[in-house]
Amino acid sequence: MTFRTKKFAGFFLFFALTATTLFAQADQAKVTDAELNKFAAVFQQMRMMNQEVQQKMAQVVAEEEMEIQRFNEIHKAQLDPAVEVETTEEEEDAYEEIVAEIEEVQLEFQENIQENVEKSGLTMERYKQIATRLQTDAELQQRLKDTFQK
């Protein structure tokens, strides 16, 4: 269960940029305007999809008749052995069910992202390279900002 919950915890981070930190090697090749436009379009789609996924996850928690705050308390205790929380057997069962369902939602989200990236004409590798480079390249950040303002 610990592996599952750690994987699940990472999902709550903003996917578009934080997931790319796993890919330490960024391509130093110049990002063309066409690539940046494609990246921006996919990035916008991902933001909308992320909002939908957040709503689905909240719905999953509600369907198991657990408050989101209580779920978060239990989840935090699962991730950090120093945090203790008393749970009932019913809460533990509900928690397990929620995590399993949310993992399915997360997998679907990741598949949709890959599909959108590929439809844009970028590869996942190139998308991740651009996202990683955006974390440290102020000029590229400004170019992306300008792209969004068009």
N, C-alpha and C. Protein backbone atom coordinates (compact mmCIF):
# COMPACT_ATOMS: atom_id res chain seq x y z
N MET A 1 0.82 -1.19 0.00
CA MET A 1 0.00 0.00 0.00
C MET A 1 0.86 1.25 0.00
N THR A 2 2.02 1.23 0.59
CA THR A 2 2.86 2.41 0.65
C THR A 2 3.27 2.85 -0.75
N PHE A 3 3.65 1.91 -1.61
CA PHE A 3 4.02 2.27 -2.97
C PHE A 3 2.87 2.97 -3.67
N ARG A 4 1.68 2.42 -3.53
CA ARG A 4 0.50 3.00 -4.15
C ARG A 4 0.26 4.42 -3.68
N THR A 5 0.31 4.60 -2.38
CA THR A 5 -0.01 5.92 -1.85
C THR A 5 1.06 6.94 -2.20
N LYS A 6 2.31 6.53 -2.27
CA LYS A 6 3.36 7.47 -2.68
C LYS A 6 3.15 7.89 -4.12
N LYS A 7 2.80 6.92 -4.96
CA LYS A 7 2.54 7.23 -6.36
C LYS A 7 1.35 8.18 -6.48
N PHE A 8 0.35 7.93 -5.70
CA PHE A 8 -0.86 8.74 -5.70
C PHE A 8 -0.56 10.16 -5.22
N ALA A 9 0.28 10.29 -4.20
CA ALA A 9 0.58 11.60 -3.64
C ALA A 9 1.20 12.52 -4.68
N GLY A 10 2.03 11.95 -5.52
CA GLY A 10 2.67 12.75 -6.54
C GLY A 10 1.69 13.35 -7.53
N PHE A 11 0.55 12.74 -7.66
CA PHE A 11 -0.44 13.21 -8.62
C PHE A 11 -0.96 14.60 -8.28
N PHE A 12 -1.01 14.92 -7.00
CA PHE A 12 -1.56 16.19 -6.61
C PHE A 12 -0.68 17.37 -6.98
N LEU A 13 0.54 17.10 -7.38
CA LEU A 13 1.41 18.17 -7.84
C LEU A 13 1.01 18.54 -9.26
N PHE A 14 1.27 19.73 -9.63
CA PHE A 14 0.90 20.16 -10.97
C PHE A 14 1.69 19.35 -11.98
N PHE A 15 1.00 18.57 -12.77
CA PHE A 15 1.63 17.57 -13.61
C PHE A 15 2.54 18.16 -14.68
N ALA A 16 2.12 19.17 -15.34
CA ALA A 16 2.81 19.63 -16.53
C ALA A 16 4.28 19.94 -16.31
N LEU A 17 4.63 20.55 -15.18
CA LEU A 17 6.04 20.89 -14.98
C LEU A 17 6.71 20.00 -13.96
N THR A 18 6.02 19.61 -12.90
CA THR A 18 6.69 18.85 -11.86
C THR A 18 7.02 17.45 -12.29
N ALA A 19 6.20 16.84 -13.10
CA ALA A 19 6.50 15.48 -13.55
C ALA A 19 7.74 15.47 -14.42
N THR A 20 8.00 16.56 -15.08
CA THR A 20 9.16 16.61 -15.98
C THR A 20 10.47 16.73 -15.22
N THR A 21 10.44 17.04 -13.95
CA THR A 21 11.69 17.13 -13.21
C THR A 21 12.38 15.78 -13.11
N LEU A 22 11.65 14.72 -13.40
CA LEU A 22 12.24 13.39 -13.41
C LEU A 22 13.20 13.24 -14.58
N PHE A 23 13.06 14.09 -15.55
CA PHE A 23 13.89 14.01 -16.74
C PHE A 23 14.94 15.11 -16.67
N ALA A 24 16.04 14.79 -16.05
CA ALA A 24 17.05 15.79 -15.73
C ALA A 24 17.77 16.33 -16.95
N GLN A 25 17.82 15.57 -18.01
CA GLN A 25 18.60 16.01 -19.15
C GLN A 25 17.71 16.73 -20.16
N ALA A 26 17.83 18.03 -20.21
CA ALA A 26 17.04 18.82 -21.15
C ALA A 26 17.83 19.00 -22.45
N ASP A 27 17.12 18.98 -23.53
CA ASP A 27 17.74 19.19 -24.82
C ASP A 27 18.12 20.66 -24.95
N GLN A 28 19.34 20.91 -25.32
CA GLN A 28 19.81 22.28 -25.43
C GLN A 28 19.55 22.89 -26.81
N ALA A 29 18.98 22.11 -27.71
CA ALA A 29 18.65 22.62 -29.03
C ALA A 29 17.61 23.73 -28.90
N LYS A 30 17.69 24.68 -29.77
CA LYS A 30 16.75 25.80 -29.75
C LYS A 30 15.32 25.31 -29.91
N VAL A 31 14.44 25.87 -29.12
CA VAL A 31 13.02 25.57 -29.22
C VAL A 31 12.45 26.51 -30.27
N THR A 32 11.93 25.93 -31.34
CA THR A 32 11.40 26.76 -32.42
C THR A 32 10.06 27.36 -32.00
N ASP A 33 9.65 28.39 -32.72
CA ASP A 33 8.34 28.99 -32.45
C ASP A 33 7.22 27.98 -32.68
N ALA A 34 7.37 27.14 -33.70
CA ALA A 34 6.35 26.12 -33.99
C ALA A 34 6.25 25.13 -32.82
N GLU A 35 7.40 24.70 -32.31
CA GLU A 35 7.39 23.78 -31.16
C GLU A 35 6.76 24.44 -29.94
N LEU A 36 7.10 25.70 -29.72
CA LEU A 36 6.56 26.41 -28.56
C LEU A 36 5.05 26.59 -28.68
N ASN A 37 4.57 26.85 -29.88
CA ASN A 37 3.12 26.96 -30.10
C ASN A 37 2.42 25.64 -29.82
N LYS A 38 3.03 24.55 -30.29
CA LYS A 38 2.47 23.22 -30.02
C LYS A 38 2.48 22.93 -28.52
N PHE A 39 3.59 23.26 -27.87
CA PHE A 39 3.71 23.04 -26.43
C PHE A 39 2.64 23.83 -25.69
N ALA A 40 2.46 25.09 -26.07
CA ALA A 40 1.47 25.95 -25.41
C ALA A 40 0.06 25.38 -25.56
N ALA A 41 -0.26 24.90 -26.75
CA ALA A 41 -1.60 24.34 -26.97
C ALA A 41 -1.83 23.11 -26.09
N VAL A 42 -0.85 22.23 -26.04
CA VAL A 42 -0.98 21.02 -25.21
C VAL A 42 -1.03 21.42 -23.73
N PHE A 43 -0.21 22.35 -23.34
CA PHE A 43 -0.17 22.81 -21.95
C PHE A 43 -1.55 23.33 -21.52
N GLN A 44 -2.19 24.10 -22.38
CA GLN A 44 -3.53 24.62 -22.08
C GLN A 44 -4.54 23.47 -21.95
N GLN A 45 -4.46 22.51 -22.85
CA GLN A 45 -5.35 21.35 -22.79
C GLN A 45 -5.12 20.60 -21.48
N MET A 46 -3.87 20.44 -21.09
CA MET A 46 -3.54 19.73 -19.87
C MET A 46 -4.09 20.45 -18.64
N ARG A 47 -4.04 21.76 -18.66
CA ARG A 47 -4.58 22.53 -17.52
C ARG A 47 -6.08 22.27 -17.37
N MET A 48 -6.79 22.26 -18.49
CA MET A 48 -8.24 21.99 -18.44
C MET A 48 -8.50 20.55 -18.00
N MET A 49 -7.72 19.62 -18.54
CA MET A 49 -7.87 18.22 -18.15
C MET A 49 -7.56 18.04 -16.67
N ASN A 50 -6.57 18.75 -16.17
CA ASN A 50 -6.19 18.64 -14.77
C ASN A 50 -7.35 19.08 -13.87
N GLN A 51 -8.04 20.14 -14.26
CA GLN A 51 -9.19 20.59 -13.48
C GLN A 51 -10.29 19.53 -13.45
N GLU A 52 -10.52 18.90 -14.60
CA GLU A 52 -11.52 17.84 -14.67
C GLU A 52 -11.12 16.65 -13.79
N VAL A 53 -9.84 16.31 -13.81
CA VAL A 53 -9.35 15.18 -13.01
C VAL A 53 -9.49 15.49 -11.53
N GLN A 54 -9.19 16.72 -11.15
CA GLN A 54 -9.33 17.10 -9.74
C GLN A 54 -10.79 16.94 -9.29
N GLN A 55 -11.72 17.32 -10.17
CA GLN A 55 -13.14 17.16 -9.86
C GLN A 55 -13.52 15.68 -9.76
N LYS A 56 -12.99 14.86 -10.67
CA LYS A 56 -13.28 13.42 -10.64
C LYS A 56 -12.75 12.81 -9.33
N MET A 57 -11.56 13.23 -8.93
CA MET A 57 -10.99 12.67 -7.70
C MET A 57 -11.83 13.07 -6.49
N ALA A 58 -12.29 14.30 -6.46
CA ALA A 58 -13.14 14.73 -5.36
C ALA A 58 -14.45 13.94 -5.36
N GLN A 59 -14.96 13.66 -6.55
CA GLN A 59 -16.19 12.88 -6.67
C GLN A 59 -15.97 11.45 -6.17
N VAL A 60 -14.82 10.86 -6.48
CA VAL A 60 -14.50 9.51 -6.02
C VAL A 60 -14.51 9.47 -4.49
N VAL A 61 -13.91 10.46 -3.88
CA VAL A 61 -13.87 10.52 -2.41
C VAL A 61 -15.29 10.66 -1.86
N ALA A 62 -16.09 11.53 -2.48
CA ALA A 62 -17.46 11.74 -2.01
C ALA A 62 -18.32 10.48 -2.18
N GLU A 63 -18.10 9.76 -3.28
CA GLU A 63 -18.88 8.54 -3.52
C GLU A 63 -18.62 7.48 -2.47
N GLU A 64 -17.44 7.52 -1.87
CA GLU A 64 -17.12 6.57 -0.80
C GLU A 64 -17.56 7.12 0.56
N GLU A 65 -18.30 8.22 0.50
CA GLU A 65 -18.85 8.86 1.69
C GLU A 65 -17.78 9.21 2.72
N MET A 66 -16.70 9.78 2.21
CA MET A 66 -15.63 10.25 3.07
C MET A 66 -15.39 11.72 2.75
N GLU A 67 -15.19 12.50 3.77
CA GLU A 67 -14.85 13.91 3.57
C GLU A 67 -13.44 14.00 3.01
N ILE A 68 -13.22 14.97 2.13
CA ILE A 68 -11.89 15.15 1.54
C ILE A 68 -10.86 15.42 2.63
N GLN A 69 -11.22 16.20 3.62
CA GLN A 69 -10.29 16.51 4.71
C GLN A 69 -9.88 15.22 5.44
N ARG A 70 -10.84 14.34 5.68
CA ARG A 70 -10.53 13.08 6.37
C ARG A 70 -9.67 12.19 5.49
N PHE A 71 -9.98 12.14 4.22
CA PHE A 71 -9.15 11.37 3.29
C PHE A 71 -7.72 11.87 3.34
N ASN A 72 -7.54 13.19 3.30
CA ASN A 72 -6.20 13.78 3.33
C ASN A 72 -5.47 13.45 4.63
N GLU A 73 -6.18 13.43 5.74
CA GLU A 73 -5.56 13.07 7.02
C GLU A 73 -5.05 11.64 6.98
N ILE A 74 -5.87 10.74 6.50
CA ILE A 74 -5.48 9.33 6.42
C ILE A 74 -4.34 9.16 5.42
N HIS A 75 -4.45 9.86 4.31
CA HIS A 75 -3.41 9.77 3.28
C HIS A 75 -2.07 10.26 3.81
N LYS A 76 -2.09 11.36 4.51
CA LYS A 76 -0.86 11.90 5.07
C LYS A 76 -0.23 10.90 6.04
N ALA A 77 -1.04 10.26 6.83
CA ALA A 77 -0.54 9.25 7.77
C ALA A 77 0.05 8.04 7.02
N GLN A 78 -0.52 7.71 5.89
CA GLN A 78 0.01 6.60 5.09
C GLN A 78 1.38 6.92 4.52
N LEU A 79 1.60 8.19 4.21
CA LEU A 79 2.86 8.61 3.60
C LEU A 79 3.95 8.89 4.62
N ASP A 80 3.56 9.28 5.81
CA ASP A 80 4.54 9.70 6.83
C ASP A 80 4.33 8.89 8.10
N PRO A 81 5.26 7.97 8.38
CA PRO A 81 5.11 7.14 9.57
C PRO A 81 5.10 7.94 10.88
N ALA A 82 5.59 9.16 10.85
CA ALA A 82 5.59 9.98 12.06
C ALA A 82 4.20 10.54 12.36
N VAL A 83 3.33 10.53 11.37
CA VAL A 83 1.97 11.03 11.55
C VAL A 83 1.07 9.85 11.90
N GLU A 84 0.38 9.99 13.00
CA GLU A 84 -0.52 8.93 13.42
C GLU A 84 -1.96 9.43 13.34
N VAL A 85 -2.81 8.55 12.87
CA VAL A 85 -4.23 8.87 12.81
C VAL A 85 -5.00 7.57 13.07
N GLU A 86 -5.98 7.68 13.90
CA GLU A 86 -6.81 6.51 14.18
C GLU A 86 -7.88 6.41 13.11
N THR A 87 -8.04 5.17 12.61
CA THR A 87 -9.05 4.94 11.59
C THR A 87 -9.88 3.73 11.97
N THR A 88 -11.08 3.73 11.47
CA THR A 88 -11.93 2.56 11.63
C THR A 88 -11.65 1.62 10.47
N GLU A 89 -12.08 0.40 10.61
CA GLU A 89 -11.91 -0.56 9.52
C GLU A 89 -12.67 -0.09 8.29
N GLU A 90 -13.82 0.51 8.51
CA GLU A 90 -14.63 1.05 7.42
C GLU A 90 -13.88 2.15 6.67
N GLU A 91 -13.21 3.04 7.42
CA GLU A 91 -12.44 4.11 6.79
C GLU A 91 -11.26 3.54 6.01
N GLU A 92 -10.61 2.54 6.55
CA GLU A 92 -9.48 1.93 5.85
C GLU A 92 -9.92 1.29 4.55
N ASP A 93 -11.06 0.60 4.59
CA ASP A 93 -11.59 -0.01 3.36
C ASP A 93 -11.95 1.06 2.34
N ALA A 94 -12.59 2.12 2.79
CA ALA A 94 -12.97 3.21 1.89
C ALA A 94 -11.72 3.87 1.31
N TYR A 95 -10.72 4.07 2.14
CA TYR A 95 -9.46 4.68 1.69
C TYR A 95 -8.83 3.84 0.58
N GLU A 96 -8.75 2.53 0.80
CA GLU A 96 -8.17 1.62 -0.21
C GLU A 96 -8.94 1.71 -1.53
N GLU A 97 -10.26 1.74 -1.43
CA GLU A 97 -11.10 1.82 -2.63
C GLU A 97 -10.87 3.15 -3.36
N ILE A 98 -10.79 4.22 -2.61
CA ILE A 98 -10.57 5.54 -3.20
C ILE A 98 -9.23 5.58 -3.93
N VAL A 99 -8.19 5.10 -3.28
CA VAL A 99 -6.85 5.12 -3.89
C VAL A 99 -6.86 4.31 -5.19
N ALA A 100 -7.49 3.15 -5.17
CA ALA A 100 -7.54 2.32 -6.38
C ALA A 100 -8.26 3.03 -7.51
N GLU A 101 -9.38 3.67 -7.20
CA GLU A 101 -10.14 4.38 -8.23
C GLU A 101 -9.38 5.60 -8.75
N ILE A 102 -8.71 6.30 -7.85
CA ILE A 102 -7.96 7.48 -8.26
C ILE A 102 -6.77 7.09 -9.12
N GLU A 103 -6.17 5.95 -8.84
CA GLU A 103 -5.09 5.48 -9.70
C GLU A 103 -5.58 5.23 -11.12
N GLU A 104 -6.79 4.73 -11.26
CA GLU A 104 -7.37 4.53 -12.59
C GLU A 104 -7.59 5.87 -13.29
N VAL A 105 -8.08 6.86 -12.55
CA VAL A 105 -8.28 8.20 -13.11
C VAL A 105 -6.94 8.78 -13.54
N GLN A 106 -5.92 8.58 -12.71
CA GLN A 106 -4.59 9.09 -13.01
C GLN A 106 -4.03 8.44 -14.27
N LEU A 107 -4.20 7.14 -14.41
CA LEU A 107 -3.70 6.44 -15.58
C LEU A 107 -4.40 6.96 -16.84
N GLU A 108 -5.70 7.14 -16.77
CA GLU A 108 -6.45 7.68 -17.91
C GLU A 108 -5.96 9.08 -18.27
N PHE A 109 -5.69 9.90 -17.25
CA PHE A 109 -5.18 11.25 -17.44
C PHE A 109 -3.83 11.21 -18.17
N GLN A 110 -2.95 10.33 -17.72
CA GLN A 110 -1.64 10.22 -18.35
C GLN A 110 -1.74 9.75 -19.80
N GLU A 111 -2.65 8.83 -20.07
CA GLU A 111 -2.85 8.37 -21.44
C GLU A 111 -3.39 9.49 -22.32
N ASN A 112 -4.31 10.29 -21.78
CA ASN A 112 -4.86 11.42 -22.53
C ASN A 112 -3.79 12.46 -22.81
N ILE A 113 -2.92 12.68 -21.86
CA ILE A 113 -1.84 13.64 -22.07
C ILE A 113 -0.95 13.17 -23.21
N GLN A 114 -0.54 11.91 -23.15
CA GLN A 114 0.32 11.37 -24.20
C GLN A 114 -0.36 11.49 -25.57
N GLU A 115 -1.63 11.17 -25.62
CA GLU A 115 -2.37 11.26 -26.88
C GLU A 115 -2.40 12.71 -27.38
N ASN A 116 -2.65 13.67 -26.50
CA ASN A 116 -2.69 15.08 -26.91
C ASN A 116 -1.33 15.58 -27.37
N VAL A 117 -0.29 15.15 -26.69
CA VAL A 117 1.06 15.56 -27.10
C VAL A 117 1.35 15.03 -28.49
N GLU A 118 1.08 13.76 -28.69
CA GLU A 118 1.37 13.15 -29.99
C GLU A 118 0.52 13.76 -31.11
N LYS A 119 -0.75 14.09 -30.81
CA LYS A 119 -1.60 14.74 -31.81
C LYS A 119 -1.07 16.11 -32.19
N SER A 120 -0.38 16.77 -31.26
CA SER A 120 0.15 18.10 -31.52
C SER A 120 1.32 18.08 -32.49
N GLY A 121 1.93 16.90 -32.65
CA GLY A 121 3.09 16.81 -33.52
C GLY A 121 4.39 16.76 -32.75
N LEU A 122 4.32 16.89 -31.43
CA LEU A 122 5.51 16.75 -30.59
C LEU A 122 5.59 15.30 -30.11
N THR A 123 6.78 14.88 -29.75
CA THR A 123 6.91 13.59 -29.07
C THR A 123 6.86 13.87 -27.57
N MET A 124 6.57 12.85 -26.79
CA MET A 124 6.58 13.03 -25.32
C MET A 124 7.96 13.47 -24.87
N GLU A 125 8.97 12.88 -25.47
CA GLU A 125 10.35 13.23 -25.08
C GLU A 125 10.61 14.72 -25.32
N ARG A 126 10.21 15.22 -26.49
CA ARG A 126 10.46 16.64 -26.79
C ARG A 126 9.61 17.53 -25.89
N TYR A 127 8.38 17.13 -25.63
CA TYR A 127 7.53 17.91 -24.73
C TYR A 127 8.19 18.04 -23.36
N LYS A 128 8.70 16.93 -22.86
CA LYS A 128 9.36 16.93 -21.54
C LYS A 128 10.63 17.76 -21.56
N GLN A 129 11.36 17.70 -22.67
CA GLN A 129 12.58 18.51 -22.78
C GLN A 129 12.25 20.00 -22.72
N ILE A 130 11.23 20.40 -23.43
CA ILE A 130 10.82 21.81 -23.43
C ILE A 130 10.36 22.22 -22.04
N ALA A 131 9.54 21.38 -21.40
CA ALA A 131 9.03 21.68 -20.06
C ALA A 131 10.17 21.79 -19.06
N THR A 132 11.15 20.91 -19.16
CA THR A 132 12.30 20.96 -18.26
C THR A 132 13.10 22.23 -18.49
N ARG A 133 13.31 22.55 -19.73
CA ARG A 133 14.07 23.75 -20.06
C ARG A 133 13.36 25.02 -19.59
N LEU A 134 12.04 25.00 -19.63
CA LEU A 134 11.25 26.15 -19.17
C LEU A 134 11.49 26.47 -17.69
N GLN A 135 11.88 25.49 -16.93
CA GLN A 135 12.10 25.70 -15.50
C GLN A 135 13.28 26.61 -15.22
N THR A 136 14.24 26.69 -16.15
CA THR A 136 15.45 27.47 -15.89
C THR A 136 15.76 28.51 -16.95
N ASP A 137 15.05 28.52 -18.04
CA ASP A 137 15.36 29.42 -19.15
C ASP A 137 14.38 30.59 -19.17
N ALA A 138 14.83 31.74 -18.67
CA ALA A 138 13.96 32.92 -18.56
C ALA A 138 13.49 33.40 -19.93
N GLU A 139 14.35 33.33 -20.92
CA GLU A 139 13.97 33.78 -22.26
C GLU A 139 12.86 32.90 -22.82
N LEU A 140 12.99 31.60 -22.63
CA LEU A 140 11.97 30.67 -23.11
C LEU A 140 10.66 30.88 -22.35
N GLN A 141 10.76 31.16 -21.06
CA GLN A 141 9.56 31.45 -20.26
C GLN A 141 8.84 32.67 -20.82
N GLN A 142 9.59 33.70 -21.18
CA GLN A 142 8.98 34.90 -21.74
C GLN A 142 8.34 34.62 -23.09
N ARG A 143 9.02 33.82 -23.90
CA ARG A 143 8.45 33.45 -25.20
C ARG A 143 7.13 32.69 -25.02
N LEU A 144 7.09 31.81 -24.04
CA LEU A 144 5.85 31.06 -23.78
C LEU A 144 4.76 32.00 -23.31
N LYS A 145 5.12 32.91 -22.42
CA LYS A 145 4.15 33.90 -21.92
C LYS A 145 3.59 34.71 -23.09
N ASP A 146 4.45 35.13 -23.98
CA ASP A 146 4.02 35.89 -25.17
C ASP A 146 3.09 35.05 -26.04
N THR A 147 3.39 33.76 -26.16
CA THR A 147 2.55 32.86 -26.94
C THR A 147 1.15 32.78 -26.35
N PHE A 148 1.06 32.71 -25.03
CA PHE A 148 -0.25 32.65 -24.39
C PHE A 148 -1.03 33.95 -24.56
N GLN A 149 -0.34 35.06 -24.68
CA GLN A 149 -1.02 36.35 -24.79
C GLN A 149 -1.49 36.65 -26.19
N LYS A 150 -1.08 35.85 -27.16
CA LYS A 150 -1.50 36.08 -28.55
C LYS A 150 -2.93 35.68 -28.76
